């Protein structure tokens, strides 16, 4: 049981690690000032591909549930993420998004009846502090549009995580099909906004194609399948804390790819982020002790 929880956490952490490359890919490979185009091409092709493979459409109540989840997890989140990435340095954008676990903590208490524990609050503070040490630089620029987009993006994804946990997925529907529904819905919702608001670019370079392909295949199709698997198997808050892997990966990519230096404070921040993630993960031993105490109380009452 313990090994399964650890392996689930480790596998799920790969998704935010991949998403941490979004900031690098956006600035280095994608056309400038095209957040809607980036969001649509990241979600829609991958979503339609998975739906065609699964050959299963939502039924009954799942039509509107798929719409809600597709908008929160994909459509609105992707757009807001790219707006933040275009208006803020990658590290600052990642820092703004660290409010997500705190939102999940509150929504989980309201919708999932999960108890807020002291260790969760400590993990939230540690995570935010660690990311601040990791990404904030003296010349870090703040832009109001980027900050608001980042906060709204965090709210969108946090709501999507909690509702995905609350609703689960329909019986008999595979994980890839479920992922495809949300990616397709998110892309389709954004498509008319793209055509009206941005329009299509006159030219697309080979570098742009490579960037879009990476974000669609690796950053959406594979990463989101892993992510939704983790949402099913792990507590919502534990999954949300794994998103701290995104700024950690973004910083490391900056170091290895862009030759950005890492200061001692950044190294301390990285260790603090890892500590926060570990604190927030489920502890099978503690769960067994709680169940044993509950069983003992029931025996006494009987």
Foldseek 3Di string as FASTA:
>chain_A
DQVVLVVLLVLLLVQLLLLLCVLVLLVPQADAPQQLVLLLLQQAVLLVVLCVVQVDDDDDPVVVVLLLLLCLAGQLLSSLLSQLSNQFPSLVLLLLLLCLLVLLLVVCCVQVVDDDDPLLVVLSVLQSLLSCLQRDDPPTDDDPSSSVSSNVSSNSNSVSLNSCLNVPDDPPGDLLNSLSSSSNSSSVVSVVVCCPPPNDDPDHDPSNVVSSVCSNVVNRRVSVSSNSVSSHVFPSSLSSLSSSSSSVSNSVCCCPPVVDDADPSSVVSSVSSVVSSVSRRDDVVVVVVVVVVVVVVVVVVD
